[in-house]
Amino acid sequence: MTVIQVDQEREVKLFRNGRNQAVRIPVEFELPGNEAIMRKEGDRLIIEPKKKSGLLEWLATIEPWGEEFPDVDEGVLPLEDVDL
C-alpha cells in the first residue's frame, strides 16, 4: 500500500452519477479493495479503506446456536493402545 503525504493534494472535478454526487479518485490516491468508509468532519469529507473483518468480528455478528449439540462420544468404544 502506498503511503500518501498529508500535504499532497490535487484538484478534482465533481460530477453527478444519478442522484449521487461523485468524484474520480486520482491514481496516486487509490484505496485498496473495492469498499471504503466515508464520513464528514466539519467541511472535510474523509474516505478510508474498509478494514477487513477477522474471525472474531464475524463470530460476534452471528446468532447463538439454539439447539443441543449431539454427544459425539456417545456409543463410541474407547480406542486401544497401539504400538507403533
N, C-alpha and C. Protein backbone atom coordinates (compact mmCIF):
# COMPACT_ATOMS: atom_id res chain seq x y z
N MET A 1 0.85 -1.17 0.00
CA MET A 1 0.00 0.00 0.00
C MET A 1 0.90 1.24 0.00
N THR A 2 0.54 2.23 -0.78
CA THR A 2 1.30 3.46 -0.88
C THR A 2 0.91 4.39 0.25
N VAL A 3 1.92 4.99 0.90
CA VAL A 3 1.66 5.96 1.95
C VAL A 3 1.63 7.34 1.30
N ILE A 4 0.56 8.08 1.53
CA ILE A 4 0.38 9.40 0.96
C ILE A 4 0.78 10.45 2.00
N GLN A 5 1.56 11.43 1.58
CA GLN A 5 1.92 12.54 2.45
C GLN A 5 0.67 13.37 2.73
N VAL A 6 0.54 13.87 3.94
CA VAL A 6 -0.63 14.66 4.31
C VAL A 6 -0.71 15.93 3.48
N ASP A 7 0.43 16.53 3.11
CA ASP A 7 0.42 17.79 2.38
C ASP A 7 0.22 17.60 0.88
N GLN A 8 0.07 16.37 0.40
CA GLN A 8 -0.16 16.12 -1.02
C GLN A 8 -1.63 16.40 -1.33
N GLU A 9 -1.88 17.15 -2.37
CA GLU A 9 -3.26 17.44 -2.75
C GLU A 9 -3.35 17.58 -4.26
N ARG A 10 -4.57 17.49 -4.75
CA ARG A 10 -4.82 17.61 -6.18
C ARG A 10 -6.25 18.11 -6.37
N GLU A 11 -6.44 19.01 -7.31
CA GLU A 11 -7.78 19.50 -7.62
C GLU A 11 -8.50 18.43 -8.45
N VAL A 12 -9.76 18.16 -8.10
CA VAL A 12 -10.56 17.16 -8.81
C VAL A 12 -11.90 17.77 -9.18
N LYS A 13 -12.58 17.16 -10.13
CA LYS A 13 -13.90 17.61 -10.57
C LYS A 13 -14.97 16.75 -9.91
N LEU A 14 -16.05 17.38 -9.52
CA LEU A 14 -17.21 16.66 -9.01
C LEU A 14 -18.19 16.49 -10.17
N PHE A 15 -18.95 15.40 -10.15
CA PHE A 15 -19.95 15.16 -11.19
C PHE A 15 -21.12 14.41 -10.59
N ARG A 16 -22.19 14.29 -11.35
CA ARG A 16 -23.39 13.59 -10.89
C ARG A 16 -23.37 12.18 -11.45
N ASN A 17 -23.77 11.23 -10.64
CA ASN A 17 -23.97 9.85 -11.05
C ASN A 17 -25.37 9.48 -10.56
N GLY A 18 -26.37 9.66 -11.42
CA GLY A 18 -27.75 9.50 -10.97
C GLY A 18 -28.07 10.61 -9.99
N ARG A 19 -28.55 10.24 -8.81
CA ARG A 19 -28.88 11.23 -7.77
C ARG A 19 -27.70 11.51 -6.85
N ASN A 20 -26.57 10.83 -7.07
CA ASN A 20 -25.42 10.97 -6.19
C ASN A 20 -24.37 11.90 -6.79
N GLN A 21 -23.70 12.62 -5.91
CA GLN A 21 -22.54 13.38 -6.34
C GLN A 21 -21.34 12.45 -6.24
N ALA A 22 -20.41 12.53 -7.19
CA ALA A 22 -19.28 11.62 -7.22
C ALA A 22 -18.00 12.37 -7.57
N VAL A 23 -16.89 11.74 -7.31
CA VAL A 23 -15.57 12.27 -7.65
C VAL A 23 -14.71 11.11 -8.12
N ARG A 24 -13.92 11.32 -9.16
CA ARG A 24 -12.97 10.31 -9.59
C ARG A 24 -11.74 10.43 -8.70
N ILE A 25 -11.27 9.32 -8.18
CA ILE A 25 -10.10 9.34 -7.31
C ILE A 25 -8.86 9.17 -8.19
N PRO A 26 -7.95 10.15 -8.19
CA PRO A 26 -6.73 10.02 -8.99
C PRO A 26 -5.91 8.82 -8.54
N VAL A 27 -5.16 8.24 -9.46
CA VAL A 27 -4.42 7.01 -9.22
C VAL A 27 -3.50 7.12 -8.00
N GLU A 28 -2.91 8.29 -7.78
CA GLU A 28 -1.99 8.42 -6.64
C GLU A 28 -2.70 8.41 -5.30
N PHE A 29 -4.04 8.50 -5.29
CA PHE A 29 -4.83 8.44 -4.06
C PHE A 29 -5.67 7.17 -3.96
N GLU A 30 -5.45 6.23 -4.87
CA GLU A 30 -6.25 5.00 -4.90
C GLU A 30 -6.23 4.28 -3.57
N LEU A 31 -7.37 3.70 -3.22
CA LEU A 31 -7.50 2.91 -1.99
C LEU A 31 -7.48 1.43 -2.35
N PRO A 32 -7.00 0.57 -1.45
CA PRO A 32 -7.04 -0.86 -1.72
C PRO A 32 -8.46 -1.41 -1.61
N GLY A 33 -8.73 -2.51 -2.30
CA GLY A 33 -10.03 -3.17 -2.21
C GLY A 33 -11.09 -2.46 -3.04
N ASN A 34 -12.35 -2.84 -2.79
CA ASN A 34 -13.45 -2.25 -3.54
C ASN A 34 -14.53 -1.66 -2.64
N GLU A 35 -14.22 -1.46 -1.35
CA GLU A 35 -15.15 -0.82 -0.42
C GLU A 35 -14.38 0.16 0.45
N ALA A 36 -15.06 1.23 0.87
CA ALA A 36 -14.44 2.23 1.72
C ALA A 36 -15.46 2.75 2.72
N ILE A 37 -14.98 3.44 3.72
CA ILE A 37 -15.82 4.09 4.73
C ILE A 37 -15.69 5.60 4.50
N MET A 38 -16.82 6.30 4.48
CA MET A 38 -16.82 7.75 4.26
C MET A 38 -17.49 8.40 5.46
N ARG A 39 -16.90 9.51 5.91
CA ARG A 39 -17.51 10.28 6.99
C ARG A 39 -17.21 11.75 6.77
N LYS A 40 -18.01 12.59 7.38
CA LYS A 40 -17.84 14.03 7.25
C LYS A 40 -17.44 14.58 8.60
N GLU A 41 -16.38 15.39 8.59
CA GLU A 41 -15.92 16.09 9.79
C GLU A 41 -15.88 17.57 9.46
N GLY A 42 -16.88 18.31 9.89
CA GLY A 42 -16.98 19.73 9.52
C GLY A 42 -17.16 19.84 8.02
N ASP A 43 -16.29 20.60 7.36
CA ASP A 43 -16.34 20.75 5.91
C ASP A 43 -15.53 19.68 5.19
N ARG A 44 -14.86 18.82 5.91
CA ARG A 44 -14.00 17.80 5.30
C ARG A 44 -14.76 16.50 5.07
N LEU A 45 -14.50 15.89 3.94
CA LEU A 45 -15.05 14.58 3.62
C LEU A 45 -13.88 13.60 3.69
N ILE A 46 -13.97 12.59 4.53
CA ILE A 46 -12.87 11.65 4.75
C ILE A 46 -13.28 10.28 4.23
N ILE A 47 -12.44 9.72 3.38
CA ILE A 47 -12.69 8.39 2.81
C ILE A 47 -11.51 7.50 3.20
N GLU A 48 -11.80 6.38 3.84
CA GLU A 48 -10.76 5.46 4.29
C GLU A 48 -11.07 4.06 3.78
N PRO A 49 -10.03 3.23 3.56
CA PRO A 49 -10.29 1.85 3.16
C PRO A 49 -11.07 1.12 4.24
N LYS A 50 -11.98 0.26 3.85
CA LYS A 50 -12.73 -0.53 4.80
C LYS A 50 -11.82 -1.63 5.33
N LYS A 51 -11.75 -1.74 6.64
CA LYS A 51 -10.92 -2.77 7.25
C LYS A 51 -11.55 -4.13 7.03
N LYS A 52 -10.72 -5.09 6.71
CA LYS A 52 -11.22 -6.46 6.57
C LYS A 52 -11.51 -6.99 7.97
N SER A 53 -12.67 -7.61 8.12
CA SER A 53 -13.01 -8.15 9.43
C SER A 53 -12.40 -9.54 9.58
N GLY A 54 -11.99 -9.83 10.78
CA GLY A 54 -11.41 -11.12 11.08
C GLY A 54 -12.45 -12.07 11.64
N LEU A 55 -11.99 -13.24 12.03
CA LEU A 55 -12.87 -14.28 12.56
C LEU A 55 -13.61 -13.81 13.81
N LEU A 56 -12.93 -13.14 14.71
CA LEU A 56 -13.59 -12.71 15.95
C LEU A 56 -14.71 -11.71 15.68
N GLU A 57 -14.48 -10.78 14.74
CA GLU A 57 -15.52 -9.82 14.40
C GLU A 57 -16.72 -10.53 13.78
N TRP A 58 -16.46 -11.51 12.92
CA TRP A 58 -17.54 -12.26 12.29
C TRP A 58 -18.31 -13.06 13.33
N LEU A 59 -17.60 -13.74 14.23
CA LEU A 59 -18.27 -14.54 15.27
C LEU A 59 -19.17 -13.66 16.15
N ALA A 60 -18.77 -12.42 16.36
CA ALA A 60 -19.57 -11.51 17.19
C ALA A 60 -20.89 -11.14 16.50
N THR A 61 -21.00 -11.34 15.20
CA THR A 61 -22.21 -10.96 14.49
C THR A 61 -23.23 -12.09 14.35
N ILE A 62 -22.82 -13.33 14.60
CA ILE A 62 -23.75 -14.44 14.38
C ILE A 62 -24.60 -14.70 15.62
N GLU A 63 -25.77 -15.23 15.40
CA GLU A 63 -26.70 -15.54 16.49
C GLU A 63 -26.26 -16.80 17.23
N PRO A 64 -26.55 -16.89 18.53
CA PRO A 64 -26.20 -18.11 19.27
C PRO A 64 -26.96 -19.32 18.72
N TRP A 65 -26.34 -20.48 18.79
CA TRP A 65 -26.93 -21.73 18.34
C TRP A 65 -28.00 -22.13 19.33
N GLY A 66 -29.23 -22.39 18.88
CA GLY A 66 -30.34 -22.66 19.78
C GLY A 66 -30.57 -24.12 20.10
N GLU A 67 -29.83 -25.02 19.46
CA GLU A 67 -30.06 -26.45 19.66
C GLU A 67 -28.91 -27.08 20.45
N GLU A 68 -29.22 -28.25 21.04
CA GLU A 68 -28.19 -29.01 21.74
C GLU A 68 -27.28 -29.68 20.72
N PHE A 69 -25.99 -29.65 21.00
CA PHE A 69 -25.06 -30.40 20.15
C PHE A 69 -25.10 -31.86 20.55
N PRO A 70 -25.05 -32.77 19.58
CA PRO A 70 -25.05 -34.19 19.94
C PRO A 70 -23.75 -34.57 20.65
N ASP A 71 -23.84 -35.56 21.51
CA ASP A 71 -22.66 -36.06 22.20
C ASP A 71 -21.89 -36.95 21.22
N VAL A 72 -20.78 -36.48 20.74
CA VAL A 72 -20.05 -37.21 19.71
C VAL A 72 -19.38 -38.47 20.25
N ASP A 73 -19.19 -38.56 21.57
CA ASP A 73 -18.57 -39.75 22.16
C ASP A 73 -19.59 -40.84 22.50
N GLU A 74 -20.88 -40.53 22.39
CA GLU A 74 -21.92 -41.47 22.76
C GLU A 74 -21.89 -42.69 21.84
N GLY A 75 -21.79 -43.87 22.42
CA GLY A 75 -21.80 -45.10 21.66
C GLY A 75 -20.47 -45.45 21.00
N VAL A 76 -19.43 -44.68 21.26
CA VAL A 76 -18.11 -44.95 20.68
C VAL A 76 -17.30 -45.72 21.68
N LEU A 77 -16.70 -46.82 21.24
CA LEU A 77 -15.85 -47.61 22.11
C LEU A 77 -14.52 -46.91 22.30
N PRO A 78 -13.91 -47.05 23.48
CA PRO A 78 -12.60 -46.43 23.70
C PRO A 78 -11.56 -47.07 22.77
N LEU A 79 -10.60 -46.27 22.32
CA LEU A 79 -9.53 -46.78 21.46
C LEU A 79 -8.56 -47.59 22.29
N GLU A 80 -8.01 -48.64 21.66
CA GLU A 80 -6.97 -49.44 22.33
C GLU A 80 -5.62 -48.85 22.02
N ASP A 81 -4.69 -49.02 22.96
CA ASP A 81 -3.33 -48.55 22.74
C ASP A 81 -2.70 -49.38 21.63
N VAL A 82 -1.96 -48.71 20.77
CA VAL A 82 -1.31 -49.38 19.64
C VAL A 82 0.17 -49.06 19.69
N ASP A 83 1.01 -50.07 19.56
CA ASP A 83 2.47 -49.85 19.49
C ASP A 83 2.83 -49.52 18.05
N LEU A 84 3.55 -48.46 17.86
CA LEU A 84 3.99 -48.07 16.53
C LEU A 84 5.43 -48.41 16.32
